Structure formats: structure tokens, C-alpha cells
Amino acid sequence: MKRLIGVFVAMFLFVSAFSQSGGKVSDNLLMTSKILKMDRKYAIYLPADYETSDRSYPVLYLLHGAGDDQTGWVQFGEVKSIADKAIQEGKCTAMIIVMPDGDTGQRGYFNSPKGDWNYEDFFFQELMPYVEKTYRIRTHKRYRAIAGLSMGGGGTFMYALHHPELFSAACTLSAYAGPISLEEAATRWEKQYPGISKDEQAKYFTRHSALELIKNMPDDQKKSVRWYIDCGDDDFLYEGNSLIHIAMRKKEIPHEFRIRDGAHNWTYWREALPTVLEFVSQGFHQY
């Protein structure tokens, strides 16, 4: 009997230790934005040893898609269990994952051409400095990455293309890559931003089309960011992602491009996340 009790105690201690070894997620945190004139929510994943160590960690900014908020990757993407498993198995390094809300006030991660909703300014001028001061985050480019799905994949394209000096890696999943042509952009933006002029449309297109940004990328920026692009073969955004791949090949921009079996859904993105974590970790590591 004593031996049996000992076995149960050992099993209990093992299960307790295992359950406590995972990271911590908070998904309803607030910060104040002067740029957007409102409080903004964000979620954060802190690795298991964050509370017991003094070390600083690399950071991944993980962007959700249209119709979700900062809880999307937590609830539907199962970011905690996936990150815990990848870290425990040694497939990715312990990192902090920041998930901002891009669906309050207006939907999207970009500045409005009218200047009345400057989310991109908020992200770089307020959110990043705030979280990197509040948490023990390594603030060098090498230890900062960005990733996102769908609308968040579009945000990932724009942020890494606009600021290659800030991100070591960028991973887009089923991304909306921006309008393929100025004509497509005009049709979309005339509805979204009534009254926008033709000149404003052209300027906005040049700034918010991944294809245009890639075609005009300076040679000294070609290797600045490590790119990972992933889209399902049944995804309605397949064309834009394929054209991005072709444009990068023509421009000789190093990148990984994956077409897997799947569609525009959480099953696909959950399966993609472990590879994203492993890919960004390769840049965080020393070799």
C-alpha cells in the first residue's frame, strides 16, 4: 500500500510540475493611445520561466485577422498550448508573444489616407515602446519578429516592408497582400474612404501594395528581413500570395514560400504556427 501511495504521489507531483511549466496568457490588457484617442486592448504570452528569471526575451508580434480581436490567437489559435509544446520540445526558443487588437474603432492595421485613424503610427510609436518597456523584451532588431494571418498577414507585409530595420523575420499566413492593381485599389478605397482623390489613391497604393513595395525595394534591403510566406491551395487569397512569391523571385529577395493543402481557416493556421515559431527562433539563436 505504501508503495502504491508513493506511486500516486510521484504521479501527482509530475503532473503538477508539468502543468506549472507552461507559459501564461493574459488576453484583456489595456494601454492608452493618444494617437487613437482611446484605450487599446492587447493579449500577451509570457514563457514559463518569465516570473522566475531575470532574463530578457525575444518578442513575436502576432496579428489576428478580420473579424477577430486580440483574443483570436488565444482562443481559436491555441497559442499557449502550441508555444508551450514547441518550447518544451526545443523546437523554438522561449519568447514573448504580443497580440494587439486591430478591430476596435476601425478594422485594420494601417493609417487611413484621410489621417483620421492612424493605427500604424499607434503600433510603432506607442504599442511597441509600451510593451518593450513594460516587459523584459530584448529591443534589438535581431530579437524582434512579426507574423499574422489574413488581415494580420497584410499587416505583417506592410510593417516589415515599411520598417525592415525593426524586424529580423516576418511570417505571413493566408495574407491579404494589398491590392494587385491601382484599378482594384480605387474600387475598394472609393467605398472605404469616400472622397479620396485620384492622387491620394495613387500615393496610398504605392504605400500599401506589397507588390509595389517589393518591386521598388532597394537592393540593400533585400536580405534585411527573413521571409516566410504560407497559403493554402484552396485559399481565396492564393493569387496575391503567389504573385508576391513571383515578385520576390524576380527581385532575388530570399524567402520561404509554402503552399499546403488547406483553406482560409483556423485549422490551417493552427497547423502553421509551430513552423512560424521555429522559423523566427532560427533568427533569435546564436550559431
C-alpha atoms as a PDB file:
ATOM      1  CA  MET A   1       0.000   0.000   0.000  1.00  0.00           C
ATOM      2  CA  LYS A   2       2.790   2.429   0.880  1.00  0.00           C
ATOM      3  CA  ARG A   3       4.413   1.705  -2.445  1.00  0.00           C
ATOM      4  CA  LEU A   4       1.124   2.367  -4.268  1.00  0.00           C
ATOM      5  CA  ILE A   5       0.655   5.644  -2.380  1.00  0.00           C
ATOM      6  CA  GLY A   6       4.202   6.616  -3.322  1.00  0.00           C
ATOM      7  CA  VAL A   7       3.465   5.994  -6.979  1.00  0.00           C
ATOM      8  CA  PHE A   8       0.351   8.182  -6.798  1.00  0.00           C
ATOM      9  CA  VAL A   9       2.286  10.943  -5.037  1.00  0.00           C
ATOM     10  CA  ALA A  10       5.022  10.807  -7.665  1.00  0.00           C
ATOM     11  CA  MET A  11       2.431  10.946 -10.443  1.00  0.00           C
ATOM     12  CA  PHE A  12       0.722  13.913  -8.764  1.00  0.00           C
ATOM     13  CA  LEU A  13       3.997  15.792  -8.410  1.00  0.00           C
ATOM     14  CA  PHE A  14       4.874  15.062 -12.053  1.00  0.00           C
ATOM     15  CA  VAL A  15       1.502  16.285 -13.314  1.00  0.00           C
ATOM     16  CA  SER A  16       1.697  19.373 -11.085  1.00  0.00           C
ATOM     17  CA  ALA A  17       5.195  20.191 -12.284  1.00  0.00           C
ATOM     18  CA  PHE A  18       4.156  19.703 -15.904  1.00  0.00           C
ATOM     19  CA  SER A  19       1.061  21.879 -15.532  1.00  0.00           C
ATOM     20  CA  GLN A  20       3.107  24.635 -13.934  1.00  0.00           C
ATOM     21  CA  SER A  21       5.772  24.509 -16.619  1.00  0.00           C
ATOM     22  CA  GLY A  22       3.604  26.180 -19.261  1.00  0.00           C
ATOM     23  CA  GLY A  23       3.537  29.840 -20.120  1.00  0.00           C
ATOM     24  CA  LYS A  24       0.969  32.407 -19.035  1.00  0.00           C
ATOM     25  CA  VAL A  25      -1.510  34.219 -21.264  1.00  0.00           C
ATOM     26  CA  SER A  26      -3.361  37.424 -20.419  1.00  0.00           C
ATOM     27  CA  ASP A  27      -5.843  38.432 -23.105  1.00  0.00           C
ATOM     28  CA  ASN A  28      -7.657  41.522 -21.828  1.00  0.00           C
ATOM     29  CA  LEU A  29      -4.889  44.000 -21.061  1.00  0.00           C
ATOM     30  CA  LEU A  30      -5.222  47.742 -21.685  1.00  0.00           C
ATOM     31  CA  MET A  31      -2.979  50.606 -22.706  1.00  0.00           C
ATOM     32  CA  THR A  32      -3.910  54.185 -23.513  1.00  0.00           C
ATOM     33  CA  SER A  33      -3.334  55.556 -27.004  1.00  0.00           C
ATOM     34  CA  LYS A  34      -3.070  59.294 -27.531  1.00  0.00           C
ATOM     35  CA  ILE A  35      -2.835  58.759 -31.292  1.00  0.00           C
ATOM     36  CA  LEU A  36      -6.117  56.815 -31.495  1.00  0.00           C
ATOM     37  CA  LYS A  37      -7.674  58.739 -28.574  1.00  0.00           C
ATOM     38  CA  MET A  38      -8.855  55.601 -26.797  1.00  0.00           C
ATOM     39  CA  ASP A  39      -7.745  52.666 -24.682  1.00  0.00           C
ATOM     40  CA  ARG A  40      -6.450  49.726 -26.694  1.00  0.00           C
ATOM     41  CA  LYS A  41      -6.543  46.068 -25.718  1.00  0.00           C
ATOM     42  CA  TYR A  42      -3.807  43.535 -26.248  1.00  0.00           C
ATOM     43  CA  ALA A  43      -3.028  39.958 -25.255  1.00  0.00           C
ATOM     44  CA  ILE A  44       0.370  38.618 -24.254  1.00  0.00           C
ATOM     45  CA  TYR A  45       2.020  35.225 -23.839  1.00  0.00           C
ATOM     46  CA  LEU A  46       4.825  35.059 -21.284  1.00  0.00           C
ATOM     47  CA  PRO A  47       7.011  31.920 -21.285  1.00  0.00           C
ATOM     48  CA  ALA A  48       7.029  29.563 -18.306  1.00  0.00           C
ATOM     49  CA  ASP A  49      10.212  30.885 -16.692  1.00  0.00           C
ATOM     50  CA  TYR A  50       9.355  34.581 -17.069  1.00  0.00           C
ATOM     51  CA  GLU A  51       8.296  35.017 -13.424  1.00  0.00           C
ATOM     52  CA  THR A  52      11.273  33.098 -12.016  1.00  0.00           C
ATOM     53  CA  SER A  53      14.098  34.527 -14.111  1.00  0.00           C
ATOM     54  CA  ASP A  54      15.708  37.917 -14.663  1.00  0.00           C
ATOM     55  CA  ARG A  55      16.446  37.362 -18.341  1.00  0.00           C
ATOM     56  CA  SER A  56      15.066  39.355 -21.243  1.00  0.00           C
ATOM     57  CA  TYR A  57      13.286  37.601 -24.098  1.00  0.00           C
ATOM     58  CA  PRO A  58      12.880  37.930 -27.852  1.00  0.00           C
ATOM     59  CA  VAL A  59       9.446  39.043 -28.994  1.00  0.00           C
ATOM     60  CA  LEU A  60       6.987  37.996 -31.682  1.00  0.00           C
ATOM     61  CA  TYR A  61       4.173  40.380 -32.638  1.00  0.00           C
ATOM     62  CA  LEU A  62       1.309  38.124 -33.743  1.00  0.00           C
ATOM     63  CA  LEU A  63      -1.534  39.813 -35.648  1.00  0.00           C
ATOM     64  CA  HIS A  64      -5.090  38.469 -35.936  1.00  0.00           C
ATOM     65  CA  GLY A  65      -7.394  38.540 -38.959  1.00  0.00           C
ATOM     66  CA  ALA A  66     -10.536  40.484 -39.817  1.00  0.00           C
ATOM     67  CA  GLY A  67     -13.471  39.788 -37.529  1.00  0.00           C
ATOM     68  CA  ASP A  68     -11.270  38.740 -34.604  1.00  0.00           C
ATOM     69  CA  ASP A  69      -9.589  40.761 -31.887  1.00  0.00           C
ATOM     70  CA  GLN A  70      -6.630  40.272 -29.560  1.00  0.00           C
ATOM     71  CA  THR A  71      -8.206  37.066 -28.215  1.00  0.00           C
ATOM     72  CA  GLY A  72      -8.314  35.346 -31.627  1.00  0.00           C
ATOM     73  CA  TRP A  73      -4.906  33.706 -31.448  1.00  0.00           C
ATOM     74  CA  VAL A  74      -5.506  32.844 -27.789  1.00  0.00           C
ATOM     75  CA  GLN A  75      -8.887  31.164 -28.149  1.00  0.00           C
ATOM     76  CA  PHE A  76      -9.001  29.831 -31.705  1.00  0.00           C
ATOM     77  CA  GLY A  77      -5.276  29.729 -32.462  1.00  0.00           C
ATOM     78  CA  GLU A  78      -4.411  27.932 -29.200  1.00  0.00           C
ATOM     79  CA  VAL A  79      -1.221  29.959 -28.993  1.00  0.00           C
ATOM     80  CA  LYS A  80      -0.468  28.956 -25.389  1.00  0.00           C
ATOM     81  CA  SER A  81      -0.523  25.190 -25.865  1.00  0.00           C
ATOM     82  CA  ILE A  82       1.300  25.419 -29.211  1.00  0.00           C
ATOM     83  CA  ALA A  83       4.026  27.717 -27.872  1.00  0.00           C
ATOM     84  CA  ASP A  84       4.401  25.694 -24.666  1.00  0.00           C
ATOM     85  CA  LYS A  85       4.837  22.475 -26.646  1.00  0.00           C
ATOM     86  CA  ALA A  86       7.297  23.986 -29.123  1.00  0.00           C
ATOM     87  CA  ILE A  87       9.422  25.437 -26.305  1.00  0.00           C
ATOM     88  CA  GLN A  88       9.328  22.247 -24.224  1.00  0.00           C
ATOM     89  CA  GLU A  89      10.371  20.171 -27.233  1.00  0.00           C
ATOM     90  CA  GLY A  90      13.218  22.565 -28.031  1.00  0.00           C
ATOM     91  CA  LYS A  91      11.783  23.481 -31.437  1.00  0.00           C
ATOM     92  CA  CYS A  92      11.611  27.183 -30.591  1.00  0.00           C
ATOM     93  CA  THR A  93      13.231  29.465 -28.092  1.00  0.00           C
ATOM     94  CA  ALA A  94      11.331  30.915 -25.140  1.00  0.00           C
ATOM     95  CA  MET A  95       9.803  34.165 -26.347  1.00  0.00           C
ATOM     96  CA  ILE A  96       7.179  36.764 -25.502  1.00  0.00           C
ATOM     97  CA  ILE A  97       4.244  36.893 -27.930  1.00  0.00           C
ATOM     98  CA  VAL A  98       2.287  40.155 -28.194  1.00  0.00           C
ATOM     99  CA  MET A  99      -1.174  40.095 -29.807  1.00  0.00           C
ATOM    100  CA  PRO A 100      -2.710  43.571 -30.310  1.00  0.00           C
ATOM    101  CA  ASP A 101      -6.376  44.333 -31.016  1.00  0.00           C
ATOM    102  CA  GLY A 102      -6.779  45.544 -34.597  1.00  0.00           C
ATOM    103  CA  ASP A 103     -10.571  45.561 -34.711  1.00  0.00           C
ATOM    104  CA  THR A 104     -11.813  48.330 -32.425  1.00  0.00           C
ATOM    105  CA  GLY A 105     -12.783  51.764 -33.740  1.00  0.00           C
ATOM    106  CA  GLN A 106     -11.882  50.804 -37.278  1.00  0.00           C
ATOM    107  CA  ARG A 107     -10.748  47.480 -38.702  1.00  0.00           C
ATOM    108  CA  GLY A 108      -7.188  47.152 -39.928  1.00  0.00           C
ATOM    109  CA  TYR A 109      -3.546  47.833 -39.120  1.00  0.00           C
ATOM    110  CA  PHE A 110      -2.900  50.775 -41.460  1.00  0.00           C
ATOM    111  CA  ASN A 111      -3.190  54.542 -41.330  1.00  0.00           C
ATOM    112  CA  SER A 112      -6.242  55.999 -43.017  1.00  0.00           C
ATOM    113  CA  PRO A 113      -5.468  58.120 -46.121  1.00  0.00           C
ATOM    114  CA  LYS A 114      -7.631  60.801 -44.527  1.00  0.00           C
ATOM    115  CA  GLY A 115      -5.435  60.887 -41.444  1.00  0.00           C
ATOM    116  CA  ASP A 116      -8.346  60.253 -39.051  1.00  0.00           C
ATOM    117  CA  TRP A 117      -7.283  56.740 -37.935  1.00  0.00           C
ATOM    118  CA  ASN A 118      -3.530  56.184 -37.729  1.00  0.00           C
ATOM    119  CA  TYR A 119      -3.202  52.639 -36.444  1.00  0.00           C
ATOM    120  CA  GLU A 120       0.244  52.062 -37.927  1.00  0.00           C
ATOM    121  CA  ASP A 121       1.535  55.146 -36.121  1.00  0.00           C
ATOM    122  CA  PHE A 122      -0.010  53.800 -32.920  1.00  0.00           C
ATOM    123  CA  PHE A 123       1.688  50.422 -33.382  1.00  0.00           C
ATOM    124  CA  PHE A 124       5.200  51.799 -33.853  1.00  0.00           C
ATOM    125  CA  GLN A 125       5.065  54.949 -31.738  1.00  0.00           C
ATOM    126  CA  GLU A 126       3.006  53.708 -28.786  1.00  0.00           C
ATOM    127  CA  LEU A 127       2.353  49.958 -28.646  1.00  0.00           C
ATOM    128  CA  MET A 128       5.873  48.708 -29.333  1.00  0.00           C
ATOM    129  CA  PRO A 129       7.587  51.166 -26.961  1.00  0.00           C
ATOM    130  CA  TYR A 130       4.973  50.453 -24.275  1.00  0.00           C
ATOM    131  CA  VAL A 131       5.244  46.654 -24.259  1.00  0.00           C
ATOM    132  CA  GLU A 132       9.014  46.695 -24.698  1.00  0.00           C
ATOM    133  CA  LYS A 133       9.297  48.938 -21.652  1.00  0.00           C
ATOM    134  CA  THR A 134       6.663  47.107 -19.578  1.00  0.00           C
ATOM    135  CA  TYR A 135       8.026  43.591 -20.157  1.00  0.00           C
ATOM    136  CA  ARG A 136      11.567  42.226 -20.225  1.00  0.00           C
ATOM    137  CA  ILE A 137      11.886  42.269 -24.003  1.00  0.00           C
ATOM    138  CA  ARG A 138      15.132  42.405 -25.947  1.00  0.00           C
ATOM    139  CA  THR A 139      14.789  45.508 -28.091  1.00  0.00           C
ATOM    140  CA  HIS A 140      17.388  44.836 -30.786  1.00  0.00           C
ATOM    141  CA  LYS A 141      16.070  44.104 -34.304  1.00  0.00           C
ATOM    142  CA  ARG A 142      17.571  40.620 -34.204  1.00  0.00           C
ATOM    143  CA  TYR A 143      15.231  39.605 -31.379  1.00  0.00           C
ATOM    144  CA  ARG A 144      12.025  41.074 -32.837  1.00  0.00           C
ATOM    145  CA  ALA A 145       9.756  39.296 -35.341  1.00  0.00           C
ATOM    146  CA  ILE A 146       6.260  39.749 -36.707  1.00  0.00           C
ATOM    147  CA  ALA A 147       3.643  37.343 -38.050  1.00  0.00           C
ATOM    148  CA  GLY A 148      -0.068  37.335 -38.805  1.00  0.00           C
ATOM    149  CA  LEU A 149      -2.933  35.691 -40.633  1.00  0.00           C
ATOM    150  CA  SER A 150      -5.218  37.109 -43.345  1.00  0.00           C
ATOM    151  CA  MET A 151      -5.684  40.813 -42.493  1.00  0.00           C
ATOM    152  CA  GLY A 152      -2.852  40.338 -39.983  1.00  0.00           C
ATOM    153  CA  GLY A 153      -0.742  38.829 -42.749  1.00  0.00           C
ATOM    154  CA  GLY A 154      -1.340  42.044 -44.672  1.00  0.00           C
ATOM    155  CA  GLY A 155      -0.248  43.993 -41.613  1.00  0.00           C
ATOM    156  CA  THR A 156       2.851  41.811 -41.399  1.00  0.00           C
ATOM    157  CA  PHE A 157       3.741  42.519 -45.040  1.00  0.00           C
ATOM    158  CA  MET A 158       3.294  46.268 -44.618  1.00  0.00           C
ATOM    159  CA  TYR A 159       5.060  46.610 -41.267  1.00  0.00           C
ATOM    160  CA  ALA A 160       8.114  44.579 -42.299  1.00  0.00           C
ATOM    161  CA  LEU A 161       8.292  46.284 -45.706  1.00  0.00           C
ATOM    162  CA  HIS A 162       7.853  49.744 -44.193  1.00  0.00           C
ATOM    163  CA  HIS A 163      10.302  49.072 -41.338  1.00  0.00           C
ATOM    164  CA  PRO A 164      12.834  46.404 -42.329  1.00  0.00           C
ATOM    165  CA  GLU A 165      15.209  47.952 -39.800  1.00  0.00           C
ATOM    166  CA  LEU A 166      12.971  46.766 -36.944  1.00  0.00           C
ATOM    167  CA  PHE A 167      12.208  43.098 -37.696  1.00  0.00           C
ATOM    168  CA  SER A 168      14.508  40.132 -38.149  1.00  0.00           C
ATOM    169  CA  ALA A 169      11.740  37.897 -39.538  1.00  0.00           C
ATOM    170  CA  ALA A 170       8.247  38.237 -40.976  1.00  0.00           C
ATOM    171  CA  CYS A 171       5.803  35.343 -41.426  1.00  0.00           C
ATOM    172  CA  THR A 172       2.573  35.778 -43.359  1.00  0.00           C
ATOM    173  CA  LEU A 173      -0.222  33.194 -43.253  1.00  0.00           C
ATOM    174  CA  SER A 174      -3.008  33.344 -45.860  1.00  0.00           C
ATOM    175  CA  ALA A 175      -2.224  37.039 -46.166  1.00  0.00           C
ATOM    176  CA  TYR A 176      -4.197  39.797 -47.783  1.00  0.00           C
ATOM    177  CA  ALA A 177      -1.272  41.340 -49.640  1.00  0.00           C
ATOM    178  CA  GLY A 178      -2.979  44.573 -50.617  1.00  0.00           C
ATOM    179  CA  PRO A 179      -4.492  45.493 -53.998  1.00  0.00           C
ATOM    180  CA  ILE A 180      -2.858  43.930 -57.030  1.00  0.00           C
ATOM    181  CA  SER A 181      -3.513  46.956 -59.270  1.00  0.00           C
ATOM    182  CA  LEU A 182      -4.341  50.637 -58.849  1.00  0.00           C
ATOM    183  CA  GLU A 183      -7.695  49.999 -60.532  1.00  0.00           C
ATOM    184  CA  GLU A 184      -8.558  47.381 -57.905  1.00  0.00           C
ATOM    185  CA  ALA A 185      -7.402  49.765 -55.179  1.00  0.00           C
ATOM    186  CA  ALA A 186      -9.567  52.620 -56.495  1.00  0.00           C
ATOM    187  CA  THR A 187     -12.697  50.464 -56.495  1.00  0.00           C
ATOM    188  CA  ARG A 188     -12.057  49.370 -52.928  1.00  0.00           C
ATOM    189  CA  TRP A 189     -10.962  52.670 -51.445  1.00  0.00           C
ATOM    190  CA  GLU A 190     -13.678  54.820 -53.020  1.00  0.00           C
ATOM    191  CA  LYS A 191     -16.143  52.801 -50.923  1.00  0.00           C
ATOM    192  CA  GLN A 192     -13.958  52.600 -47.840  1.00  0.00           C
ATOM    193  CA  TYR A 193     -12.759  56.231 -47.913  1.00  0.00           C
ATOM    194  CA  PRO A 194     -15.423  58.357 -49.663  1.00  0.00           C
ATOM    195  CA  GLY A 195     -13.989  61.469 -51.265  1.00  0.00           C
ATOM    196  CA  ILE A 196     -10.413  60.204 -51.642  1.00  0.00           C
ATOM    197  CA  SER A 197      -8.834  61.832 -54.693  1.00  0.00           C
ATOM    198  CA  LYS A 198      -7.072  60.058 -57.560  1.00  0.00           C
ATOM    199  CA  ASP A 199      -3.717  61.427 -56.402  1.00  0.00           C
ATOM    200  CA  GLU A 200      -4.370  60.207 -52.861  1.00  0.00           C
ATOM    201  CA  GLN A 201      -5.347  56.789 -54.222  1.00  0.00           C
ATOM    202  CA  ALA A 202      -2.098  56.533 -56.170  1.00  0.00           C
ATOM    203  CA  LYS A 203       0.018  57.544 -53.172  1.00  0.00           C
ATOM    204  CA  TYR A 204      -1.849  55.165 -50.884  1.00  0.00           C
ATOM    205  CA  PHE A 205      -1.485  52.327 -53.391  1.00  0.00           C
ATOM    206  CA  THR A 206       2.272  52.806 -53.620  1.00  0.00           C
ATOM    207  CA  ARG A 207       2.489  52.673 -49.835  1.00  0.00           C
ATOM    208  CA  HIS A 208       0.040  49.797 -49.222  1.00  0.00           C
ATOM    209  CA  SER A 209       0.535  47.334 -52.048  1.00  0.00           C
ATOM    210  CA  ALA A 210       3.041  44.632 -51.088  1.00  0.00           C
ATOM    211  CA  LEU A 211       3.720  44.012 -54.778  1.00  0.00           C
ATOM    212  CA  GLU A 212       4.618  47.657 -55.384  1.00  0.00           C
ATOM    213  CA  LEU A 213       6.809  47.810 -52.287  1.00  0.00           C
ATOM    214  CA  ILE A 214       8.649  44.642 -53.317  1.00  0.00           C
ATOM    215  CA  LYS A 215       9.153  45.832 -56.892  1.00  0.00           C
ATOM    216  CA  ASN A 216      10.628  49.114 -55.598  1.00  0.00           C
ATOM    217  CA  MET A 217      12.708  47.602 -52.775  1.00  0.00           C
ATOM    218  CA  PRO A 218      16.271  48.983 -52.657  1.00  0.00           C
ATOM    219  CA  ASP A 219      18.982  46.375 -53.212  1.00  0.00           C
ATOM    220  CA  ASP A 220      20.458  46.938 -49.755  1.00  0.00           C
ATOM    221  CA  GLN A 221      17.191  45.837 -48.133  1.00  0.00           C
ATOM    222  CA  LYS A 222      16.762  42.521 -49.951  1.00  0.00           C
ATOM    223  CA  LYS A 223      18.264  40.462 -47.138  1.00  0.00           C
ATOM    224  CA  SER A 224      17.206  42.679 -44.267  1.00  0.00           C
ATOM    225  CA  VAL A 225      14.199  40.530 -43.261  1.00  0.00           C
ATOM    226  CA  ARG A 226      13.848  36.736 -43.265  1.00  0.00           C
ATOM    227  CA  TRP A 227      10.536  35.999 -45.010  1.00  0.00           C
ATOM    228  CA  TYR A 228       8.204  33.019 -44.566  1.00  0.00           C
ATOM    229  CA  ILE A 229       5.036  33.036 -46.710  1.00  0.00           C
ATOM    230  CA  ASP A 230       2.386  30.327 -46.337  1.00  0.00           C
ATOM    231  CA  CYS A 231      -1.010  29.997 -48.039  1.00  0.00           C
ATOM    232  CA  GLY A 232      -3.412  27.117 -48.596  1.00  0.00           C
ATOM    233  CA  ASP A 233      -4.075  25.752 -52.069  1.00  0.00           C
ATOM    234  CA  ASP A 234      -7.825  26.302 -51.572  1.00  0.00           C
ATOM    235  CA  ASP A 235      -7.474  29.789 -50.103  1.00  0.00           C
ATOM    236  CA  PHE A 236      -9.237  32.672 -51.877  1.00  0.00           C
ATOM    237  CA  LEU A 237      -6.104  34.777 -51.296  1.00  0.00           C
ATOM    238  CA  TYR A 238      -3.919  32.292 -53.162  1.00  0.00           C
ATOM    239  CA  GLU A 239      -3.350  34.583 -56.173  1.00  0.00           C
ATOM    240  CA  GLY A 240      -1.941  37.523 -54.235  1.00  0.00           C
ATOM    241  CA  ASN A 241       0.438  35.319 -52.242  1.00  0.00           C
ATOM    242  CA  SER A 242       1.625  33.562 -55.410  1.00  0.00           C
ATOM    243  CA  LEU A 243       2.286  36.905 -57.101  1.00  0.00           C
ATOM    244  CA  ILE A 244       4.270  38.039 -54.059  1.00  0.00           C
ATOM    245  CA  HIS A 245       6.401  34.891 -54.347  1.00  0.00           C
ATOM    246  CA  ILE A 246       6.990  35.514 -58.061  1.00  0.00           C
ATOM    247  CA  ALA A 247       7.867  39.174 -57.455  1.00  0.00           C
ATOM    248  CA  MET A 248      10.347  38.197 -54.745  1.00  0.00           C
ATOM    249  CA  ARG A 249      11.931  35.611 -57.025  1.00  0.00           C
ATOM    250  CA  LYS A 250      12.326  38.178 -59.810  1.00  0.00           C
ATOM    251  CA  LYS A 251      13.772  40.701 -57.359  1.00  0.00           C
ATOM    252  CA  GLU A 252      16.056  37.999 -55.873  1.00  0.00           C
ATOM    253  CA  ILE A 253      14.704  38.512 -52.364  1.00  0.00           C
ATOM    254  CA  PRO A 254      15.411  35.419 -50.232  1.00  0.00           C
ATOM    255  CA  HIS A 255      12.241  33.895 -48.797  1.00  0.00           C
ATOM    256  CA  GLU A 256      10.481  30.655 -47.935  1.00  0.00           C
ATOM    257  CA  PHE A 257       7.219  30.027 -49.781  1.00  0.00           C
ATOM    258  CA  ARG A 258       4.802  27.258 -48.832  1.00  0.00           C
ATOM    259  CA  ILE A 259       1.590  26.097 -50.450  1.00  0.00           C
ATOM    260  CA  ARG A 260      -0.055  23.424 -48.331  1.00  0.00           C
ATOM    261  CA  ASP A 261      -3.315  21.561 -48.542  1.00  0.00           C
ATOM    262  CA  GLY A 262      -5.926  23.723 -46.863  1.00  0.00           C
ATOM    263  CA  ALA A 263      -8.212  26.726 -46.905  1.00  0.00           C
ATOM    264  CA  HIS A 264      -8.734  30.034 -45.110  1.00  0.00           C
ATOM    265  CA  ASN A 265      -9.477  28.705 -41.627  1.00  0.00           C
ATOM    266  CA  TRP A 266      -8.149  28.157 -38.130  1.00  0.00           C
ATOM    267  CA  THR A 267      -7.281  24.523 -38.803  1.00  0.00           C
ATOM    268  CA  TYR A 268      -4.731  25.722 -41.351  1.00  0.00           C
ATOM    269  CA  TRP A 269      -3.328  28.486 -39.140  1.00  0.00           C
ATOM    270  CA  ARG A 270      -3.003  26.306 -36.029  1.00  0.00           C
ATOM    271  CA  GLU A 271      -1.008  23.830 -38.101  1.00  0.00           C
ATOM    272  CA  ALA A 272       1.184  26.667 -39.394  1.00  0.00           C
ATOM    273  CA  LEU A 273       2.003  28.278 -36.045  1.00  0.00           C
ATOM    274  CA  PRO A 274       4.620  25.731 -34.829  1.00  0.00           C
ATOM    275  CA  THR A 275       6.601  26.267 -38.040  1.00  0.00           C
ATOM    276  CA  VAL A 276       6.331  30.039 -37.621  1.00  0.00           C
ATOM    277  CA  LEU A 277       7.702  29.793 -34.073  1.00  0.00           C
ATOM    278  CA  GLU A 278      10.548  27.592 -35.254  1.00  0.00           C
ATOM    279  CA  PHE A 279      11.334  29.889 -38.203  1.00  0.00           C
ATOM    280  CA  VAL A 280      11.573  33.079 -36.139  1.00  0.00           C
ATOM    281  CA  SER A 281      13.609  31.239 -33.488  1.00  0.00           C
ATOM    282  CA  GLN A 282      16.275  30.432 -36.064  1.00  0.00           C
ATOM    283  CA  GLY A 283      16.991  34.147 -36.228  1.00  0.00           C
ATOM    284  CA  PHE A 284      16.955  34.556 -32.447  1.00  0.00           C
ATOM    285  CA  HIS A 285      19.592  31.839 -31.917  1.00  0.00           C
ATOM    286  CA  GLN A 286      23.365  32.023 -31.999  1.00  0.00           C
ATOM    287  CA  TYR A 287      25.149  29.571 -34.326  1.00  0.00           C
END
